[in-house]
Amino acid sequence: MAVKSVTYLQVERKKQKRVESLKEASRQVKARQKIALWVVQHYDGQKTIKTIEVGKIYTYGILASGGRSVSVIINVMILGLNNL
């Protein structure tokens, strides 16, 4: 009976980690959408925006005290944004 309870706890722990992973992924998607919206609103270029790609958000320092950065690709033109 002890073996069943251990395997049950392991399965529950895996389920909990998966839920946390999905929540983190949705937070990342929302943050990327906000960045893309900001870029579209503040972009002053000669050509119109056809495609926009937002890379992974990197955090520096303890609790983001060193700032954050992300790469944004607009129409295959690369822009680097620091300290968002």
N, C-alpha and C. Protein backbone atom coordinates (compact mmCIF):
# COMPACT_ATOMS: atom_id res chain seq x y z
N MET A 1 0.83 -1.20 0.00
CA MET A 1 0.00 0.00 0.00
C MET A 1 0.87 1.26 0.00
N ALA A 2 2.03 1.21 0.63
CA ALA A 2 2.92 2.36 0.66
C ALA A 2 3.45 2.68 -0.73
N VAL A 3 3.64 1.67 -1.55
CA VAL A 3 4.14 1.88 -2.91
C VAL A 3 3.09 2.62 -3.73
N LYS A 4 1.83 2.29 -3.56
CA LYS A 4 0.77 2.96 -4.30
C LYS A 4 0.69 4.44 -3.92
N SER A 5 0.85 4.74 -2.66
CA SER A 5 0.76 6.13 -2.24
C SER A 5 1.93 6.95 -2.77
N VAL A 6 3.11 6.34 -2.85
CA VAL A 6 4.28 7.04 -3.38
C VAL A 6 4.09 7.33 -4.87
N THR A 7 3.63 6.34 -5.62
CA THR A 7 3.41 6.57 -7.04
C THR A 7 2.29 7.58 -7.27
N TYR A 8 1.27 7.55 -6.43
CA TYR A 8 0.19 8.51 -6.53
C TYR A 8 0.73 9.93 -6.32
N LEU A 9 1.60 10.11 -5.31
CA LEU A 9 2.18 11.42 -5.04
C LEU A 9 3.06 11.88 -6.20
N GLN A 10 3.79 10.95 -6.80
CA GLN A 10 4.63 11.30 -7.94
C GLN A 10 3.79 11.76 -9.12
N VAL A 11 2.69 11.07 -9.36
CA VAL A 11 1.80 11.45 -10.46
C VAL A 11 1.19 12.82 -10.19
N GLU A 12 0.77 13.05 -8.98
CA GLU A 12 0.18 14.35 -8.62
C GLU A 12 1.21 15.47 -8.76
N ARG A 13 2.45 15.20 -8.37
CA ARG A 13 3.52 16.19 -8.48
C ARG A 13 3.77 16.53 -9.96
N LYS A 14 3.76 15.52 -10.82
CA LYS A 14 3.95 15.75 -12.25
C LYS A 14 2.80 16.59 -12.82
N LYS A 15 1.58 16.30 -12.40
CA LYS A 15 0.43 17.07 -12.85
C LYS A 15 0.55 18.53 -12.43
N GLN A 16 0.98 18.74 -11.19
CA GLN A 16 1.12 20.10 -10.67
C GLN A 16 2.21 20.86 -11.44
N LYS A 17 3.32 20.20 -11.74
CA LYS A 17 4.38 20.85 -12.50
C LYS A 17 3.92 21.21 -13.90
N ARG A 18 3.11 20.34 -14.51
CA ARG A 18 2.59 20.62 -15.85
C ARG A 18 1.67 21.83 -15.84
N VAL A 19 0.82 21.93 -14.83
CA VAL A 19 -0.09 23.07 -14.71
C VAL A 19 0.72 24.36 -14.53
N GLU A 20 1.75 24.32 -13.69
CA GLU A 20 2.59 25.49 -13.48
C GLU A 20 3.31 25.88 -14.77
N SER A 21 3.76 24.89 -15.51
CA SER A 21 4.44 25.14 -16.78
C SER A 21 3.50 25.81 -17.78
N LEU A 22 2.27 25.35 -17.85
CA LEU A 22 1.29 25.95 -18.75
C LEU A 22 0.96 27.38 -18.35
N LYS A 23 0.88 27.65 -17.05
CA LYS A 23 0.61 29.01 -16.58
C LYS A 23 1.76 29.94 -16.96
N GLU A 24 2.99 29.46 -16.79
CA GLU A 24 4.16 30.27 -17.13
C GLU A 24 4.20 30.54 -18.63
N ALA A 25 3.84 29.55 -19.42
CA ALA A 25 3.83 29.73 -20.88
C ALA A 25 2.78 30.77 -21.28
N SER A 26 1.63 30.76 -20.63
CA SER A 26 0.60 31.74 -20.97
C SER A 26 1.03 33.14 -20.54
N ARG A 27 1.76 33.26 -19.43
CA ARG A 27 2.29 34.56 -19.01
C ARG A 27 3.29 35.09 -20.03
N GLN A 28 4.14 34.19 -20.55
CA GLN A 28 5.11 34.59 -21.55
C GLN A 28 4.42 35.07 -22.83
N VAL A 29 3.37 34.37 -23.23
CA VAL A 29 2.63 34.75 -24.44
C VAL A 29 2.01 36.13 -24.26
N LYS A 30 1.41 36.38 -23.11
CA LYS A 30 0.79 37.68 -22.86
C LYS A 30 1.84 38.79 -22.85
N ALA A 31 2.99 38.53 -22.25
CA ALA A 31 4.05 39.53 -22.21
C ALA A 31 4.57 39.82 -23.62
N ARG A 32 4.72 38.79 -24.43
CA ARG A 32 5.17 39.00 -25.82
C ARG A 32 4.14 39.78 -26.62
N GLN A 33 2.86 39.52 -26.39
CA GLN A 33 1.82 40.27 -27.10
C GLN A 33 1.86 41.74 -26.71
N LYS A 34 2.10 42.04 -25.44
CA LYS A 34 2.20 43.43 -24.99
C LYS A 34 3.39 44.12 -25.65
N ILE A 35 4.51 43.42 -25.74
CA ILE A 35 5.70 43.99 -26.37
C ILE A 35 5.44 44.25 -27.85
N ALA A 36 4.81 43.29 -28.53
CA ALA A 36 4.51 43.46 -29.95
C ALA A 36 3.59 44.66 -30.16
N LEU A 37 2.59 44.83 -29.31
CA LEU A 37 1.68 45.97 -29.42
C LEU A 37 2.43 47.28 -29.22
N TRP A 38 3.33 47.33 -28.23
CA TRP A 38 4.11 48.54 -27.97
C TRP A 38 4.98 48.87 -29.18
N VAL A 39 5.61 47.86 -29.76
CA VAL A 39 6.48 48.09 -30.91
C VAL A 39 5.66 48.62 -32.08
N VAL A 40 4.50 48.05 -32.32
CA VAL A 40 3.65 48.50 -33.43
C VAL A 40 3.22 49.96 -33.21
N GLN A 41 2.90 50.31 -31.99
CA GLN A 41 2.45 51.67 -31.70
C GLN A 41 3.58 52.70 -31.80
N HIS A 42 4.82 52.30 -31.51
CA HIS A 42 5.93 53.25 -31.45
C HIS A 42 6.92 53.11 -32.60
N TYR A 43 6.64 52.27 -33.56
CA TYR A 43 7.57 52.05 -34.68
C TYR A 43 7.44 53.16 -35.70
N ASP A 44 8.56 53.83 -36.00
CA ASP A 44 8.59 54.87 -37.02
C ASP A 44 9.54 54.41 -38.11
N GLY A 45 9.01 53.73 -39.09
CA GLY A 45 9.84 53.24 -40.18
C GLY A 45 9.23 53.62 -41.52
N GLN A 46 10.04 53.47 -42.55
CA GLN A 46 9.57 53.82 -43.88
C GLN A 46 8.60 52.78 -44.42
N LYS A 47 8.83 51.52 -44.09
CA LYS A 47 7.97 50.45 -44.59
C LYS A 47 6.92 50.07 -43.55
N THR A 48 5.81 49.53 -44.02
CA THR A 48 4.79 49.07 -43.09
C THR A 48 5.20 47.75 -42.46
N ILE A 49 4.64 47.46 -41.31
CA ILE A 49 4.96 46.21 -40.61
C ILE A 49 4.10 45.10 -41.21
N LYS A 50 4.78 44.09 -41.76
CA LYS A 50 4.07 42.94 -42.30
C LYS A 50 4.17 41.77 -41.34
N THR A 51 5.35 41.56 -40.79
CA THR A 51 5.54 40.48 -39.82
C THR A 51 6.30 41.03 -38.62
N ILE A 52 5.99 40.49 -37.48
CA ILE A 52 6.69 40.86 -36.25
C ILE A 52 6.88 39.60 -35.42
N GLU A 53 8.11 39.40 -34.95
CA GLU A 53 8.43 38.25 -34.11
C GLU A 53 9.09 38.75 -32.84
N VAL A 54 8.62 38.29 -31.71
CA VAL A 54 9.16 38.68 -30.41
C VAL A 54 9.84 37.47 -29.81
N GLY A 55 11.11 37.61 -29.47
CA GLY A 55 11.87 36.50 -28.91
C GLY A 55 11.62 36.32 -27.42
N LYS A 56 12.42 35.46 -26.82
CA LYS A 56 12.30 35.17 -25.39
C LYS A 56 12.71 36.39 -24.58
N ILE A 57 12.05 36.61 -23.47
CA ILE A 57 12.35 37.72 -22.58
C ILE A 57 13.40 37.24 -21.58
N TYR A 58 14.56 37.92 -21.57
CA TYR A 58 15.64 37.56 -20.67
C TYR A 58 15.66 38.53 -19.49
N THR A 59 15.86 37.99 -18.30
CA THR A 59 15.89 38.78 -17.08
C THR A 59 17.29 38.71 -16.49
N TYR A 60 17.82 39.84 -16.06
CA TYR A 60 19.16 39.91 -15.50
C TYR A 60 19.11 40.36 -14.05
N GLY A 61 20.01 39.83 -13.25
CA GLY A 61 20.10 40.21 -11.85
C GLY A 61 19.10 39.47 -10.98
N ILE A 62 19.13 39.79 -9.72
CA ILE A 62 18.24 39.18 -8.75
C ILE A 62 16.89 39.90 -8.81
N LEU A 63 15.84 39.15 -9.05
CA LEU A 63 14.48 39.70 -9.16
C LEU A 63 14.40 40.81 -10.21
N ALA A 64 15.10 40.61 -11.32
CA ALA A 64 15.11 41.54 -12.46
C ALA A 64 15.69 42.90 -12.10
N SER A 65 16.56 42.96 -11.11
CA SER A 65 17.16 44.24 -10.74
C SER A 65 18.12 44.72 -11.81
N GLY A 66 18.63 43.82 -12.65
CA GLY A 66 19.54 44.20 -13.72
C GLY A 66 18.84 44.56 -15.01
N GLY A 67 17.52 44.45 -15.04
CA GLY A 67 16.75 44.81 -16.22
C GLY A 67 16.33 43.59 -17.02
N ARG A 68 15.62 43.83 -18.09
CA ARG A 68 15.15 42.77 -18.98
C ARG A 68 15.46 43.17 -20.41
N SER A 69 15.58 42.18 -21.27
CA SER A 69 15.80 42.45 -22.69
C SER A 69 15.06 41.43 -23.52
N VAL A 70 14.79 41.82 -24.76
CA VAL A 70 14.07 40.95 -25.68
C VAL A 70 14.50 41.33 -27.09
N SER A 71 14.47 40.38 -28.00
CA SER A 71 14.76 40.70 -29.39
C SER A 71 13.45 40.73 -30.17
N VAL A 72 13.36 41.70 -31.08
CA VAL A 72 12.16 41.88 -31.89
C VAL A 72 12.60 41.89 -33.35
N ILE A 73 11.93 41.08 -34.16
CA ILE A 73 12.25 41.03 -35.59
C ILE A 73 11.04 41.57 -36.35
N ILE A 74 11.26 42.66 -37.09
CA ILE A 74 10.20 43.27 -37.88
C ILE A 74 10.59 43.16 -39.35
N ASN A 75 9.78 42.48 -40.12
CA ASN A 75 10.05 42.31 -41.55
C ASN A 75 11.49 41.87 -41.80
N VAL A 76 11.99 40.96 -40.99
CA VAL A 76 13.35 40.41 -41.06
C VAL A 76 14.40 41.49 -40.80
N MET A 77 14.05 42.55 -40.10
CA MET A 77 14.98 43.55 -39.65
C MET A 77 15.07 43.40 -38.12
N ILE A 78 16.26 43.22 -37.58
CA ILE A 78 16.41 42.89 -36.17
C ILE A 78 16.62 44.14 -35.34
N LEU A 79 15.82 44.27 -34.28
CA LEU A 79 15.95 45.36 -33.32
C LEU A 79 16.21 44.76 -31.94
N GLY A 80 17.06 45.35 -31.15
CA GLY A 80 17.27 44.89 -29.78
C GLY A 80 16.71 45.91 -28.82
N LEU A 81 15.87 45.47 -27.90
CA LEU A 81 15.29 46.38 -26.91
C LEU A 81 15.80 45.97 -25.54
N ASN A 82 16.35 46.91 -24.80
CA ASN A 82 16.88 46.64 -23.47
C ASN A 82 16.10 47.43 -22.44
N ASN A 83 16.09 46.91 -21.21
CA ASN A 83 15.45 47.57 -20.07
C ASN A 83 14.01 47.96 -20.36
N LEU A 84 13.21 46.93 -20.62
CA LEU A 84 11.79 47.17 -20.89
C LEU A 84 11.05 47.40 -19.63
